[in-house]
Amino acid sequence: MSDLWLHALEYWMEITNMLFQLEVYMVIFSYEDEHIVVGDLINQTASCSCGMFNRTGILCAHGLKVLDLMNIKILPTHYVLKKWTRDACCGSILDRQGRNVVENPKLETQLRYRILSHKFLN
C-alpha cells in the first residue's frame, strides 16, 4: 500500500466541480492518464473513474490522493475488505444467492461421516 501512496503524491489535482457535499476532481499524472474522482467528505469515500477498487478491492492512487486532499489521513475501514485481513481465512464464503460455498463437497461428506461414525461407535 505504501507504493500506491508514494505514487499518489506525484499526481496533479484540479477541483472541477462541487455538487452538494461532493467534490469532483480531475486527477492527472500524464497526458494519457486522466481520471475523474468524486470525493465525499461526510462518508469518507473517493470514487474513481478507473474502477480499480471495484475490480480488485484495492483503492487506486487517484482515490488515495483525493482522500489525502480531503485531509483523511487514515484509510477508512470500508476500504479494507475482509479478503485483505488476517481474518479472511476464517468464516464461510457466500455466493451471490447467500449460500455457503464448499471448496470440496466430498471433504464435507467425509467429515460428516467421520463425526457420525465416531458418535455411533461411542
PDB file of N, CA and C in Angstrom:
ATOM      1  N   MET A   1       0.827  -1.184   0.000  1.00  0.00           N
ATOM      2  CA  MET A   1       0.000   0.000   0.000  1.00  0.00           C
ATOM      3  C   MET A   1       0.873   1.250   0.000  1.00  0.00           C
ATOM      4  N   SER A   2       2.068   1.185   0.565  1.00  0.00           N
ATOM      5  CA  SER A   2       2.922   2.365   0.628  1.00  0.00           C
ATOM      6  C   SER A   2       3.377   2.790  -0.767  1.00  0.00           C
ATOM      7  N   ASP A   3       3.577   1.837  -1.695  1.00  0.00           N
ATOM      8  CA  ASP A   3       3.948   2.192  -3.061  1.00  0.00           C
ATOM      9  C   ASP A   3       2.849   3.001  -3.729  1.00  0.00           C
ATOM     10  N   LEU A   4       1.591   2.590  -3.523  1.00  0.00           N
ATOM     11  CA  LEU A   4       0.481   3.354  -4.078  1.00  0.00           C
ATOM     12  C   LEU A   4       0.425   4.742  -3.468  1.00  0.00           C
ATOM     13  N   TRP A   5       0.699   4.840  -2.164  1.00  0.00           N
ATOM     14  CA  TRP A   5       0.642   6.131  -1.501  1.00  0.00           C
ATOM     15  C   TRP A   5       1.718   7.059  -2.065  1.00  0.00           C
ATOM     16  N   LEU A   6       2.943   6.561  -2.254  1.00  0.00           N
ATOM     17  CA  LEU A   6       4.002   7.381  -2.828  1.00  0.00           C
ATOM     18  C   LEU A   6       3.673   7.773  -4.260  1.00  0.00           C
ATOM     19  N   HIS A   7       3.095   6.849  -5.007  1.00  0.00           N
ATOM     20  CA  HIS A   7       2.690   7.135  -6.383  1.00  0.00           C
ATOM     21  C   HIS A   7       1.609   8.210  -6.398  1.00  0.00           C
ATOM     22  N   ALA A   8       0.727   8.184  -5.407  1.00  0.00           N
ATOM     23  CA  ALA A   8      -0.367   9.162  -5.343  1.00  0.00           C
ATOM     24  C   ALA A   8       0.162  10.563  -5.081  1.00  0.00           C
ATOM     25  N   LEU A   9       1.296  10.692  -4.428  1.00  0.00           N
ATOM     26  CA  LEU A   9       1.835  12.007  -4.121  1.00  0.00           C
ATOM     27  C   LEU A   9       2.317  12.740  -5.367  1.00  0.00           C
ATOM     28  N   GLU A  10       2.558  12.023  -6.469  1.00  0.00           N
ATOM     29  CA  GLU A  10       3.060  12.627  -7.692  1.00  0.00           C
ATOM     30  C   GLU A  10       1.964  13.170  -8.599  1.00  0.00           C
ATOM     31  N   TYR A  11       0.716  13.007  -8.236  1.00  0.00           N
ATOM     32  CA  TYR A  11      -0.384  13.417  -9.089  1.00  0.00           C
ATOM     33  C   TYR A  11      -0.659  14.902  -8.992  1.00  0.00           C
ATOM     34  N   TRP A  12      -1.148  15.477 -10.082  1.00  0.00           N
ATOM     35  CA  TRP A  12      -1.590  16.855 -10.114  1.00  0.00           C
ATOM     36  C   TRP A  12      -3.102  16.850 -10.028  1.00  0.00           C
ATOM     37  N   MET A  13      -3.645  17.674  -9.150  1.00  0.00           N
ATOM     38  CA  MET A  13      -5.078  17.659  -8.890  1.00  0.00           C
ATOM     39  C   MET A  13      -5.696  18.987  -9.311  1.00  0.00           C
ATOM     40  N   GLU A  14      -6.898  18.895  -9.796  1.00  0.00           N
ATOM     41  CA  GLU A  14      -7.661  20.089 -10.127  1.00  0.00           C
ATOM     42  C   GLU A  14      -9.106  19.839  -9.721  1.00  0.00           C
ATOM     43  N   ILE A  15      -9.639  20.668  -8.833  1.00  0.00           N
ATOM     44  CA  ILE A  15     -11.037  20.515  -8.455  1.00  0.00           C
ATOM     45  C   ILE A  15     -11.875  21.121  -9.573  1.00  0.00           C
ATOM     46  N   THR A  16     -12.774  20.329 -10.117  1.00  0.00           N
ATOM     47  CA  THR A  16     -13.537  20.780 -11.273  1.00  0.00           C
ATOM     48  C   THR A  16     -14.953  21.197 -10.935  1.00  0.00           C
ATOM     49  N   ASN A  17     -15.507  20.637  -9.864  1.00  0.00           N
ATOM     50  CA  ASN A  17     -16.900  20.924  -9.564  1.00  0.00           C
ATOM     51  C   ASN A  17     -17.199  20.549  -8.124  1.00  0.00           C
ATOM     52  N   MET A  18     -18.206  21.200  -7.564  1.00  0.00           N
ATOM     53  CA  MET A  18     -18.694  20.815  -6.244  1.00  0.00           C
ATOM     54  C   MET A  18     -20.193  20.616  -6.356  1.00  0.00           C
ATOM     55  N   LEU A  19     -20.641  19.398  -6.054  1.00  0.00           N
ATOM     56  CA  LEU A  19     -22.055  19.058  -6.100  1.00  0.00           C
ATOM     57  C   LEU A  19     -22.501  18.702  -4.695  1.00  0.00           C
ATOM     58  N   PHE A  20     -23.331  19.526  -4.088  1.00  0.00           N
ATOM     59  CA  PHE A  20     -23.808  19.318  -2.723  1.00  0.00           C
ATOM     60  C   PHE A  20     -22.606  19.122  -1.804  1.00  0.00           C
ATOM     61  N   GLN A  21     -22.432  17.947  -1.216  1.00  0.00           N
ATOM     62  CA  GLN A  21     -21.292  17.686  -0.339  1.00  0.00           C
ATOM     63  C   GLN A  21     -20.172  16.952  -1.077  1.00  0.00           C
ATOM     64  N   LEU A  22     -20.306  16.781  -2.392  1.00  0.00           N
ATOM     65  CA  LEU A  22     -19.322  16.032  -3.166  1.00  0.00           C
ATOM     66  C   LEU A  22     -18.371  16.985  -3.866  1.00  0.00           C
ATOM     67  N   GLU A  23     -17.119  16.600  -3.922  1.00  0.00           N
ATOM     68  CA  GLU A  23     -16.114  17.355  -4.657  1.00  0.00           C
ATOM     69  C   GLU A  23     -15.656  16.499  -5.826  1.00  0.00           C
ATOM     70  N   VAL A  24     -15.667  17.069  -7.025  1.00  0.00           N
ATOM     71  CA  VAL A  24     -15.264  16.345  -8.221  1.00  0.00           C
ATOM     72  C   VAL A  24     -13.866  16.822  -8.616  1.00  0.00           C
ATOM     73  N   TYR A  25     -12.930  15.879  -8.707  1.00  0.00           N
ATOM     74  CA  TYR A  25     -11.542  16.195  -9.026  1.00  0.00           C
ATOM     75  C   TYR A  25     -11.165  15.591 -10.366  1.00  0.00           C
ATOM     76  N   MET A  26     -10.301  16.270 -11.098  1.00  0.00           N
ATOM     77  CA  MET A  26      -9.638  15.712 -12.266  1.00  0.00           C
ATOM     78  C   MET A  26      -8.219  15.399 -11.817  1.00  0.00           C
ATOM     79  N   VAL A  27      -7.861  14.122 -11.839  1.00  0.00           N
ATOM     80  CA  VAL A  27      -6.539  13.680 -11.396  1.00  0.00           C
ATOM     81  C   VAL A  27      -5.712  13.380 -12.632  1.00  0.00           C
ATOM     82  N   ILE A  28      -4.570  14.067 -12.753  1.00  0.00           N
ATOM     83  CA  ILE A  28      -3.743  13.934 -13.952  1.00  0.00           C
ATOM     84  C   ILE A  28      -2.331  13.541 -13.540  1.00  0.00           C
ATOM     85  N   PHE A  29      -1.850  12.429 -14.086  1.00  0.00           N
ATOM     86  CA  PHE A  29      -0.468  12.008 -13.868  1.00  0.00           C
ATOM     87  C   PHE A  29       0.358  12.248 -15.123  1.00  0.00           C
ATOM     88  N   SER A  30      -0.224  11.931 -16.258  1.00  0.00           N
ATOM     89  CA  SER A  30       0.398  12.211 -17.550  1.00  0.00           C
ATOM     90  C   SER A  30      -0.733  12.527 -18.521  1.00  0.00           C
ATOM     91  N   TYR A  31      -0.397  12.839 -19.749  1.00  0.00           N
ATOM     92  CA  TYR A  31      -1.439  13.189 -20.711  1.00  0.00           C
ATOM     93  C   TYR A  31      -2.371  12.023 -21.014  1.00  0.00           C
ATOM     94  N   GLU A  32      -1.862  10.793 -20.909  1.00  0.00           N
ATOM     95  CA  GLU A  32      -2.686   9.615 -21.179  1.00  0.00           C
ATOM     96  C   GLU A  32      -3.479   9.174 -19.956  1.00  0.00           C
ATOM     97  N   ASP A  33      -3.072   9.602 -18.791  1.00  0.00           N
ATOM     98  CA  ASP A  33      -3.636   9.099 -17.543  1.00  0.00           C
ATOM     99  C   ASP A  33      -4.418  10.194 -16.825  1.00  0.00           C
ATOM    100  N   GLU A  34      -5.677  10.383 -17.218  1.00  0.00           N
ATOM    101  CA  GLU A  34      -6.553  11.347 -16.560  1.00  0.00           C
ATOM    102  C   GLU A  34      -7.769  10.604 -16.014  1.00  0.00           C
ATOM    103  N   HIS A  35      -8.106  10.877 -14.767  1.00  0.00           N
ATOM    104  CA  HIS A  35      -9.254  10.221 -14.148  1.00  0.00           C
ATOM    105  C   HIS A  35     -10.077  11.240 -13.381  1.00  0.00           C
ATOM    106  N   ILE A  36     -11.360  10.988 -13.309  1.00  0.00           N
ATOM    107  CA  ILE A  36     -12.261  11.824 -12.534  1.00  0.00           C
ATOM    108  C   ILE A  36     -12.562  11.089 -11.237  1.00  0.00           C
ATOM    109  N   VAL A  37     -12.351  11.777 -10.124  1.00  0.00           N
ATOM    110  CA  VAL A  37     -12.581  11.204  -8.804  1.00  0.00           C
ATOM    111  C   VAL A  37     -13.598  12.067  -8.076  1.00  0.00           C
ATOM    112  N   VAL A  38     -14.644  11.421  -7.564  1.00  0.00           N
ATOM    113  CA  VAL A  38     -15.659  12.121  -6.773  1.00  0.00           C
ATOM    114  C   VAL A  38     -15.383  11.818  -5.311  1.00  0.00           C
ATOM    115  N   GLY A  39     -15.110  12.877  -4.541  1.00  0.00           N
ATOM    116  CA  GLY A  39     -14.817  12.721  -3.120  1.00  0.00           C
ATOM    117  C   GLY A  39     -15.990  13.156  -2.272  1.00  0.00           C
ATOM    118  N   ASP A  40     -16.311  12.356  -1.283  1.00  0.00           N
ATOM    119  CA  ASP A  40     -17.393  12.648  -0.348  1.00  0.00           C
ATOM    120  C   ASP A  40     -16.794  12.709   1.051  1.00  0.00           C
ATOM    121  N   LEU A  41     -16.690  13.924   1.595  1.00  0.00           N
ATOM    122  CA  LEU A  41     -16.058  14.111   2.889  1.00  0.00           C
ATOM    123  C   LEU A  41     -16.887  13.529   4.026  1.00  0.00           C
ATOM    124  N   ILE A  42     -18.203  13.611   3.940  1.00  0.00           N
ATOM    125  CA  ILE A  42     -19.064  13.109   5.013  1.00  0.00           C
ATOM    126  C   ILE A  42     -18.959  11.591   5.151  1.00  0.00           C
ATOM    127  N   ASN A  43     -19.047  10.881   4.025  1.00  0.00           N
ATOM    128  CA  ASN A  43     -18.959   9.412   4.052  1.00  0.00           C
ATOM    129  C   ASN A  43     -17.527   8.909   3.935  1.00  0.00           C
ATOM    130  N   GLN A  44     -16.571   9.810   3.773  1.00  0.00           N
ATOM    131  CA  GLN A  44     -15.155   9.477   3.600  1.00  0.00           C
ATOM    132  C   GLN A  44     -14.948   8.478   2.465  1.00  0.00           C
ATOM    133  N   THR A  45     -15.466   8.812   1.291  1.00  0.00           N
ATOM    134  CA  THR A  45     -15.310   7.948   0.126  1.00  0.00           C
ATOM    135  C   THR A  45     -14.694   8.725  -1.025  1.00  0.00           C
ATOM    136  N   ALA A  46     -14.041   7.993  -1.888  1.00  0.00           N
ATOM    137  CA  ALA A  46     -13.495   8.535  -3.128  1.00  0.00           C
ATOM    138  C   ALA A  46     -13.804   7.519  -4.218  1.00  0.00           C
ATOM    139  N   SER A  47     -14.587   7.929  -5.191  1.00  0.00           N
ATOM    140  CA  SER A  47     -14.982   7.035  -6.280  1.00  0.00           C
ATOM    141  C   SER A  47     -14.284   7.480  -7.553  1.00  0.00           C
ATOM    142  N   CYS A  48     -13.446   6.614  -8.097  1.00  0.00           N
ATOM    143  CA  CYS A  48     -12.626   6.963  -9.253  1.00  0.00           C
ATOM    144  C   CYS A  48     -13.172   6.346 -10.534  1.00  0.00           C
ATOM    145  N   SER A  49     -12.945   7.036 -11.641  1.00  0.00           N
ATOM    146  CA  SER A  49     -13.411   6.541 -12.936  1.00  0.00           C
ATOM    147  C   SER A  49     -12.601   5.344 -13.428  1.00  0.00           C
ATOM    148  N   CYS A  50     -11.436   5.072 -12.841  1.00  0.00           N
ATOM    149  CA  CYS A  50     -10.646   3.918 -13.272  1.00  0.00           C
ATOM    150  C   CYS A  50     -11.267   2.608 -12.809  1.00  0.00           C
ATOM    151  N   GLY A  51     -12.054   2.646 -11.725  1.00  0.00           N
ATOM    152  CA  GLY A  51     -12.765   1.458 -11.252  1.00  0.00           C
ATOM    153  C   GLY A  51     -11.890   0.387 -10.634  1.00  0.00           C
ATOM    154  N   MET A  52     -10.694   0.740 -10.204  1.00  0.00           N
ATOM    155  CA  MET A  52      -9.775  -0.264  -9.648  1.00  0.00           C
ATOM    156  C   MET A  52     -10.322  -0.905  -8.366  1.00  0.00           C
ATOM    157  N   PHE A  53     -10.935  -0.109  -7.494  1.00  0.00           N
ATOM    158  CA  PHE A  53     -11.463  -0.679  -6.254  1.00  0.00           C
ATOM    159  C   PHE A  53     -12.579  -1.677  -6.537  1.00  0.00           C
ATOM    160  N   ASN A  54     -13.414  -1.391  -7.524  1.00  0.00           N
ATOM    161  CA  ASN A  54     -14.498  -2.315  -7.876  1.00  0.00           C
ATOM    162  C   ASN A  54     -13.969  -3.608  -8.475  1.00  0.00           C
ATOM    163  N   ARG A  55     -12.857  -3.529  -9.198  1.00  0.00           N
ATOM    164  CA  ARG A  55     -12.297  -4.720  -9.837  1.00  0.00           C
ATOM    165  C   ARG A  55     -11.440  -5.551  -8.897  1.00  0.00           C
ATOM    166  N   THR A  56     -10.578  -4.880  -8.117  1.00  0.00           N
ATOM    167  CA  THR A  56      -9.583  -5.617  -7.344  1.00  0.00           C
ATOM    168  C   THR A  56      -9.779  -5.550  -5.838  1.00  0.00           C
ATOM    169  N   GLY A  57     -10.529  -4.559  -5.372  1.00  0.00           N
ATOM    170  CA  GLY A  57     -10.686  -4.394  -3.935  1.00  0.00           C
ATOM    171  C   GLY A  57      -9.576  -3.577  -3.305  1.00  0.00           C
ATOM    172  N   ILE A  58      -8.744  -2.940  -4.148  1.00  0.00           N
ATOM    173  CA  ILE A  58      -7.664  -2.085  -3.672  1.00  0.00           C
ATOM    174  C   ILE A  58      -7.933  -0.680  -4.186  1.00  0.00           C
ATOM    175  N   LEU A  59      -7.900   0.295  -3.297  1.00  0.00           N
ATOM    176  CA  LEU A  59      -8.142   1.675  -3.689  1.00  0.00           C
ATOM    177  C   LEU A  59      -6.985   2.180  -4.536  1.00  0.00           C
ATOM    178  N   CYS A  60      -7.310   2.843  -5.637  1.00  0.00           N
ATOM    179  CA  CYS A  60      -6.286   3.330  -6.570  1.00  0.00           C
ATOM    180  C   CYS A  60      -5.563   4.548  -5.995  1.00  0.00           C
ATOM    181  N   ALA A  61      -4.450   4.891  -6.620  1.00  0.00           N
ATOM    182  CA  ALA A  61      -3.667   6.047  -6.194  1.00  0.00           C
ATOM    183  C   ALA A  61      -4.445   7.340  -6.364  1.00  0.00           C
ATOM    184  N   HIS A  62      -5.327   7.386  -7.367  1.00  0.00           N
ATOM    185  CA  HIS A  62      -6.141   8.592  -7.586  1.00  0.00           C
ATOM    186  C   HIS A  62      -7.057   8.830  -6.390  1.00  0.00           C
ATOM    187  N   GLY A  63      -7.697   7.761  -5.933  1.00  0.00           N
ATOM    188  CA  GLY A  63      -8.579   7.854  -4.767  1.00  0.00           C
ATOM    189  C   GLY A  63      -7.818   8.193  -3.507  1.00  0.00           C
ATOM    190  N   LEU A  64      -6.615   7.603  -3.358  1.00  0.00           N
ATOM    191  CA  LEU A  64      -5.788   7.914  -2.191  1.00  0.00           C
ATOM    192  C   LEU A  64      -5.418   9.391  -2.158  1.00  0.00           C
ATOM    193  N   LYS A  65      -5.109   9.941  -3.323  1.00  0.00           N
ATOM    194  CA  LYS A  65      -4.733  11.353  -3.388  1.00  0.00           C
ATOM    195  C   LYS A  65      -5.909  12.245  -3.007  1.00  0.00           C
ATOM    196  N   VAL A  66      -7.097  11.911  -3.465  1.00  0.00           N
ATOM    197  CA  VAL A  66      -8.273  12.709  -3.125  1.00  0.00           C
ATOM    198  C   VAL A  66      -8.568  12.609  -1.634  1.00  0.00           C
ATOM    199  N   LEU A  67      -8.452  11.414  -1.054  1.00  0.00           N
ATOM    200  CA  LEU A  67      -8.631  11.278   0.396  1.00  0.00           C
ATOM    201  C   LEU A  67      -7.606  12.132   1.142  1.00  0.00           C
ATOM    202  N   ASP A  68      -6.378  12.168   0.639  1.00  0.00           N
ATOM    203  CA  ASP A  68      -5.335  12.989   1.250  1.00  0.00           C
ATOM    204  C   ASP A  68      -5.700  14.474   1.167  1.00  0.00           C
ATOM    205  N   LEU A  69      -6.196  14.917   0.032  1.00  0.00           N
ATOM    206  CA  LEU A  69      -6.593  16.324  -0.120  1.00  0.00           C
ATOM    207  C   LEU A  69      -7.783  16.686   0.762  1.00  0.00           C
ATOM    208  N   MET A  70      -8.644  15.707   1.040  1.00  0.00           N
ATOM    209  CA  MET A  70      -9.781  15.952   1.921  1.00  0.00           C
ATOM    210  C   MET A  70      -9.370  15.830   3.393  1.00  0.00           C
ATOM    211  N   ASN A  71      -8.048  15.716   3.631  1.00  0.00           N
ATOM    212  CA  ASN A  71      -7.465  15.622   4.970  1.00  0.00           C
ATOM    213  C   ASN A  71      -7.909  14.355   5.710  1.00  0.00           C
ATOM    214  N   ILE A  72      -8.122  13.283   4.975  1.00  0.00           N
ATOM    215  CA  ILE A  72      -8.395  11.971   5.555  1.00  0.00           C
ATOM    216  C   ILE A  72      -7.079  11.203   5.488  1.00  0.00           C
ATOM    217  N   LYS A  73      -6.379  11.141   6.604  1.00  0.00           N
ATOM    218  CA  LYS A  73      -5.021  10.581   6.630  1.00  0.00           C
ATOM    219  C   LYS A  73      -4.994   9.096   6.968  1.00  0.00           C
ATOM    220  N   ILE A  74      -6.075   8.567   7.522  1.00  0.00           N
ATOM    221  CA  ILE A  74      -6.165   7.136   7.834  1.00  0.00           C
ATOM    222  C   ILE A  74      -7.196   6.526   6.891  1.00  0.00           C
ATOM    223  N   LEU A  75      -6.831   5.422   6.272  1.00  0.00           N
ATOM    224  CA  LEU A  75      -7.723   4.769   5.313  1.00  0.00           C
ATOM    225  C   LEU A  75      -9.009   4.329   6.008  1.00  0.00           C
ATOM    226  N   PRO A  76     -10.173   4.780   5.509  1.00  0.00           N
ATOM    227  CA  PRO A  76     -11.444   4.379   6.131  1.00  0.00           C
ATOM    228  C   PRO A  76     -11.631   2.865   6.079  1.00  0.00           C
ATOM    229  N   THR A  77     -12.316   2.328   7.082  1.00  0.00           N
ATOM    230  CA  THR A  77     -12.437   0.878   7.220  1.00  0.00           C
ATOM    231  C   THR A  77     -13.201   0.237   6.071  1.00  0.00           C
ATOM    232  N   HIS A  78     -14.083   0.975   5.385  1.00  0.00           N
ATOM    233  CA  HIS A  78     -14.827   0.346   4.295  1.00  0.00           C
ATOM    234  C   HIS A  78     -13.942   0.091   3.076  1.00  0.00           C
ATOM    235  N   TYR A  79     -12.717   0.588   3.077  1.00  0.00           N
ATOM    236  CA  TYR A  79     -11.768   0.276   2.007  1.00  0.00           C
ATOM    237  C   TYR A  79     -10.880  -0.917   2.349  1.00  0.00           C
ATOM    238  N   VAL A  80     -10.964  -1.411   3.562  1.00  0.00           N
ATOM    239  CA  VAL A  80     -10.199  -2.597   3.957  1.00  0.00           C
ATOM    240  C   VAL A  80     -11.159  -3.777   3.914  1.00  0.00           C
ATOM    241  N   LEU A  81     -11.154  -4.481   2.798  1.00  0.00           N
ATOM    242  CA  LEU A  81     -12.052  -5.623   2.625  1.00  0.00           C
ATOM    243  C   LEU A  81     -11.552  -6.809   3.445  1.00  0.00           C
ATOM    244  N   LYS A  82     -12.481  -7.685   3.788  1.00  0.00           N
ATOM    245  CA  LYS A  82     -12.137  -8.844   4.622  1.00  0.00           C
ATOM    246  C   LYS A  82     -11.083  -9.720   3.958  1.00  0.00           C
ATOM    247  N   LYS A  83     -11.090  -9.782   2.625  1.00  0.00           N
ATOM    248  CA  LYS A  83     -10.130 -10.660   1.945  1.00  0.00           C
ATOM    249  C   LYS A  83      -8.681 -10.185   2.100  1.00  0.00           C
ATOM    250  N   TRP A  84      -8.478  -8.938   2.550  1.00  0.00           N
ATOM    251  CA  TRP A  84      -7.122  -8.429   2.759  1.00  0.00           C
ATOM    252  C   TRP A  84      -6.720  -8.453   4.230  1.00  0.00           C
ATOM    253  N   THR A  85      -7.537  -9.043   5.097  1.00  0.00           N
ATOM    254  CA  THR A  85      -7.216  -9.079   6.521  1.00  0.00           C
ATOM    255  C   THR A  85      -6.759 -10.473   6.929  1.00  0.00           C
ATOM    256  N   ARG A  86      -6.300 -10.587   8.169  1.00  0.00           N
ATOM    257  CA  ARG A  86      -5.893 -11.896   8.691  1.00  0.00           C
ATOM    258  C   ARG A  86      -7.086 -12.796   8.931  1.00  0.00           C
ATOM    259  N   ASP A  87      -8.276 -12.211   9.059  1.00  0.00           N
ATOM    260  CA  ASP A  87      -9.481 -12.991   9.295  1.00  0.00           C
ATOM    261  C   ASP A  87     -10.099 -13.530   8.006  1.00  0.00           C
ATOM    262  N   ALA A  88      -9.425 -13.345   6.885  1.00  0.00           N
ATOM    263  CA  ALA A  88     -10.001 -13.750   5.610  1.00  0.00           C
ATOM    264  C   ALA A  88     -10.231 -15.251   5.535  1.00  0.00           C
ATOM    265  N   CYS A  89      -9.350 -16.027   6.136  1.00  0.00           N
ATOM    266  CA  CYS A  89      -9.492 -17.477   6.053  1.00  0.00           C
ATOM    267  C   CYS A  89     -10.542 -18.002   7.029  1.00  0.00           C
ATOM    268  N   CYS A  90     -10.948 -17.197   7.981  1.00  0.00           N
ATOM    269  CA  CYS A  90     -11.944 -17.613   8.957  1.00  0.00           C
ATOM    270  C   CYS A  90     -13.346 -17.333   8.428  1.00  0.00           C
ATOM    271  N   GLY A  91     -14.269 -18.147   8.828  1.00  0.00           N
ATOM    272  CA  GLY A  91     -15.653 -17.926   8.415  1.00  0.00           C
ATOM    273  C   GLY A  91     -15.968 -18.639   7.120  1.00  0.00           C
ATOM    274  N   SER A  92     -17.154 -18.396   6.626  1.00  0.00           N
ATOM    275  CA  SER A  92     -17.583 -19.080   5.412  1.00  0.00           C
ATOM    276  C   SER A  92     -17.654 -18.094   4.252  1.00  0.00           C
ATOM    277  N   ILE A  93     -17.592 -18.644   3.064  1.00  0.00           N
ATOM    278  CA  ILE A  93     -17.686 -17.849   1.841  1.00  0.00           C
ATOM    279  C   ILE A  93     -19.078 -18.033   1.283  1.00  0.00           C
ATOM    280  N   LEU A  94     -19.709 -16.923   0.914  1.00  0.00           N
ATOM    281  CA  LEU A  94     -21.067 -16.970   0.386  1.00  0.00           C
ATOM    282  C   LEU A  94     -21.065 -16.649  -1.099  1.00  0.00           C
ATOM    283  N   ASP A  95     -21.952 -17.314  -1.841  1.00  0.00           N
ATOM    284  CA  ASP A  95     -22.106 -16.985  -3.252  1.00  0.00           C
ATOM    285  C   ASP A  95     -23.100 -15.832  -3.388  1.00  0.00           C
ATOM    286  N   ARG A  96     -23.467 -15.491  -4.615  1.00  0.00           N
ATOM    287  CA  ARG A  96     -24.353 -14.341  -4.848  1.00  0.00           C
ATOM    288  C   ARG A  96     -25.747 -14.521  -4.267  1.00  0.00           C
ATOM    289  N   GLN A  97     -26.182 -15.759  -4.106  1.00  0.00           N
ATOM    290  CA  GLN A  97     -27.501 -16.032  -3.525  1.00  0.00           C
ATOM    291  C   GLN A  97     -27.449 -16.137  -2.005  1.00  0.00           C
ATOM    292  N   GLY A  98     -26.266 -16.009  -1.411  1.00  0.00           N
ATOM    293  CA  GLY A  98     -26.130 -16.066   0.032  1.00  0.00           C
ATOM    294  C   GLY A  98     -25.939 -17.465   0.587  1.00  0.00           C
ATOM    295  N   ARG A  99     -25.670 -18.456  -0.277  1.00  0.00           N
ATOM    296  CA  ARG A  99     -25.444 -19.830   0.180  1.00  0.00           C
ATOM    297  C   ARG A  99     -23.967 -20.045   0.461  1.00  0.00           C
ATOM    298  N   ASN A 100     -23.674 -20.924   1.426  1.00  0.00           N
ATOM    299  CA  ASN A 100     -22.283 -21.263   1.735  1.00  0.00           C
ATOM    300  C   ASN A 100     -21.648 -21.996   0.563  1.00  0.00           C
ATOM    301  N   VAL A 101     -20.422 -21.624   0.256  1.00  0.00           N
ATOM    302  CA  VAL A 101     -19.673 -22.273  -0.812  1.00  0.00           C
ATOM    303  C   VAL A 101     -18.711 -23.262  -0.171  1.00  0.00           C
ATOM    304  N   VAL A 102     -18.761 -24.501  -0.617  1.00  0.00           N
ATOM    305  CA  VAL A 102     -17.885 -25.540  -0.093  1.00  0.00           C
ATOM    306  C   VAL A 102     -16.798 -25.785  -1.123  1.00  0.00           C
ATOM    307  N   GLU A 103     -15.531 -25.732  -0.674  1.00  0.00           N
ATOM    308  CA  GLU A 103     -14.416 -25.902  -1.598  1.00  0.00           C
ATOM    309  C   GLU A 103     -14.392 -27.310  -2.190  1.00  0.00           C
ATOM    310  N   ASN A 104     -14.613 -28.310  -1.343  1.00  0.00           N
ATOM    311  CA  ASN A 104     -14.599 -29.692  -1.791  1.00  0.00           C
ATOM    312  C   ASN A 104     -15.802 -30.398  -1.167  1.00  0.00           C
ATOM    313  N   PRO A 105     -16.881 -30.611  -1.914  1.00  0.00           N
ATOM    314  CA  PRO A 105     -18.073 -31.229  -1.333  1.00  0.00           C
ATOM    315  C   PRO A 105     -17.816 -32.619  -0.759  1.00  0.00           C
ATOM    316  N   LYS A 106     -16.903 -33.392  -1.356  1.00  0.00           N
ATOM    317  CA  LYS A 106     -16.594 -34.723  -0.842  1.00  0.00           C
ATOM    318  C   LYS A 106     -15.941 -34.648   0.528  1.00  0.00           C
ATOM    319  N   LEU A 107     -15.135 -33.632   0.742  1.00  0.00           N
ATOM    320  CA  LEU A 107     -14.492 -33.463   2.031  1.00  0.00           C
ATOM    321  C   LEU A 107     -15.528 -33.230   3.126  1.00  0.00           C
ATOM    322  N   GLU A 108     -16.540 -32.415   2.819  1.00  0.00           N
ATOM    323  CA  GLU A 108     -17.596 -32.170   3.799  1.00  0.00           C
ATOM    324  C   GLU A 108     -18.330 -33.471   4.140  1.00  0.00           C
ATOM    325  N   THR A 109     -18.584 -34.304   3.148  1.00  0.00           N
ATOM    326  CA  THR A 109     -19.248 -35.587   3.374  1.00  0.00           C
ATOM    327  C   THR A 109     -18.369 -36.501   4.215  1.00  0.00           C
ATOM    328  N   GLN A 110     -17.081 -36.540   3.934  1.00  0.00           N
ATOM    329  CA  GLN A 110     -16.165 -37.364   4.701  1.00  0.00           C
ATOM    330  C   GLN A 110     -16.095 -36.920   6.159  1.00  0.00           C
ATOM    331  N   LEU A 111     -16.057 -35.608   6.374  1.00  0.00           N
ATOM    332  CA  LEU A 111     -16.015 -35.104   7.745  1.00  0.00           C
ATOM    333  C   LEU A 111     -17.299 -35.443   8.490  1.00  0.00           C
ATOM    334  N   ARG A 112     -18.424 -35.319   7.822  1.00  0.00           N
ATOM    335  CA  ARG A 112     -19.699 -35.670   8.463  1.00  0.00           C
ATOM    336  C   ARG A 112     -19.743 -37.158   8.796  1.00  0.00           C
ATOM    337  N   TYR A 113     -19.286 -37.998   7.874  1.00  0.00           N
ATOM    338  CA  TYR A 113     -19.239 -39.442   8.115  1.00  0.00           C
ATOM    339  C   TYR A 113     -18.345 -39.757   9.310  1.00  0.00           C
ATOM    340  N   ARG A 114     -17.192 -39.097   9.402  1.00  0.00           N
ATOM    341  CA  ARG A 114     -16.260 -39.339  10.498  1.00  0.00           C
ATOM    342  C   ARG A 114     -16.904 -38.963  11.837  1.00  0.00           C
ATOM    343  N   ILE A 115     -17.590 -37.836  11.882  1.00  0.00           N
ATOM    344  CA  ILE A 115     -18.234 -37.396  13.119  1.00  0.00           C
ATOM    345  C   ILE A 115     -19.362 -38.359  13.516  1.00  0.00           C
ATOM    346  N   LEU A 116     -20.195 -38.728  12.546  1.00  0.00           N
ATOM    347  CA  LEU A 116     -21.311 -39.621  12.851  1.00  0.00           C
ATOM    348  C   LEU A 116     -20.859 -41.012  13.237  1.00  0.00           C
ATOM    349  N   SER A 117     -19.836 -41.535  12.550  1.00  0.00           N
ATOM    350  CA  SER A 117     -19.344 -42.870  12.888  1.00  0.00           C
ATOM    351  C   SER A 117     -18.709 -42.866  14.276  1.00  0.00           C
ATOM    352  N   HIS A 118     -18.038 -41.805  14.625  1.00  0.00           N
ATOM    353  CA  HIS A 118     -17.444 -41.691  15.953  1.00  0.00           C
ATOM    354  C   HIS A 118     -18.531 -41.674  17.030  1.00  0.00           C
ATOM    355  N   LYS A 119     -19.605 -40.930  16.774  1.00  0.00           N
ATOM    356  CA  LYS A 119     -20.713 -40.893  17.732  1.00  0.00           C
ATOM    357  C   LYS A 119     -21.404 -42.248  17.823  1.00  0.00           C
ATOM    358  N   PHE A 120     -21.523 -42.950  16.709  1.00  0.00           N
ATOM    359  CA  PHE A 120     -22.183 -44.243  16.679  1.00  0.00           C
ATOM    360  C   PHE A 120     -21.387 -45.287  17.461  1.00  0.00           C
ATOM    361  N   LEU A 121     -20.070 -45.275  17.335  1.00  0.00           N
ATOM    362  CA  LEU A 121     -19.219 -46.255  17.998  1.00  0.00           C
ATOM    363  C   LEU A 121     -19.096 -45.988  19.507  1.00  0.00           C
ATOM    364  N   ASN A 122     -19.264 -44.768  19.905  1.00  0.00           N
ATOM    365  CA  ASN A 122     -19.141 -44.448  21.346  1.00  0.00           C
ATOM    366  C   ASN A 122     -20.449 -44.495  21.985  1.00  0.00           C
TER     367      ASN A 122
END
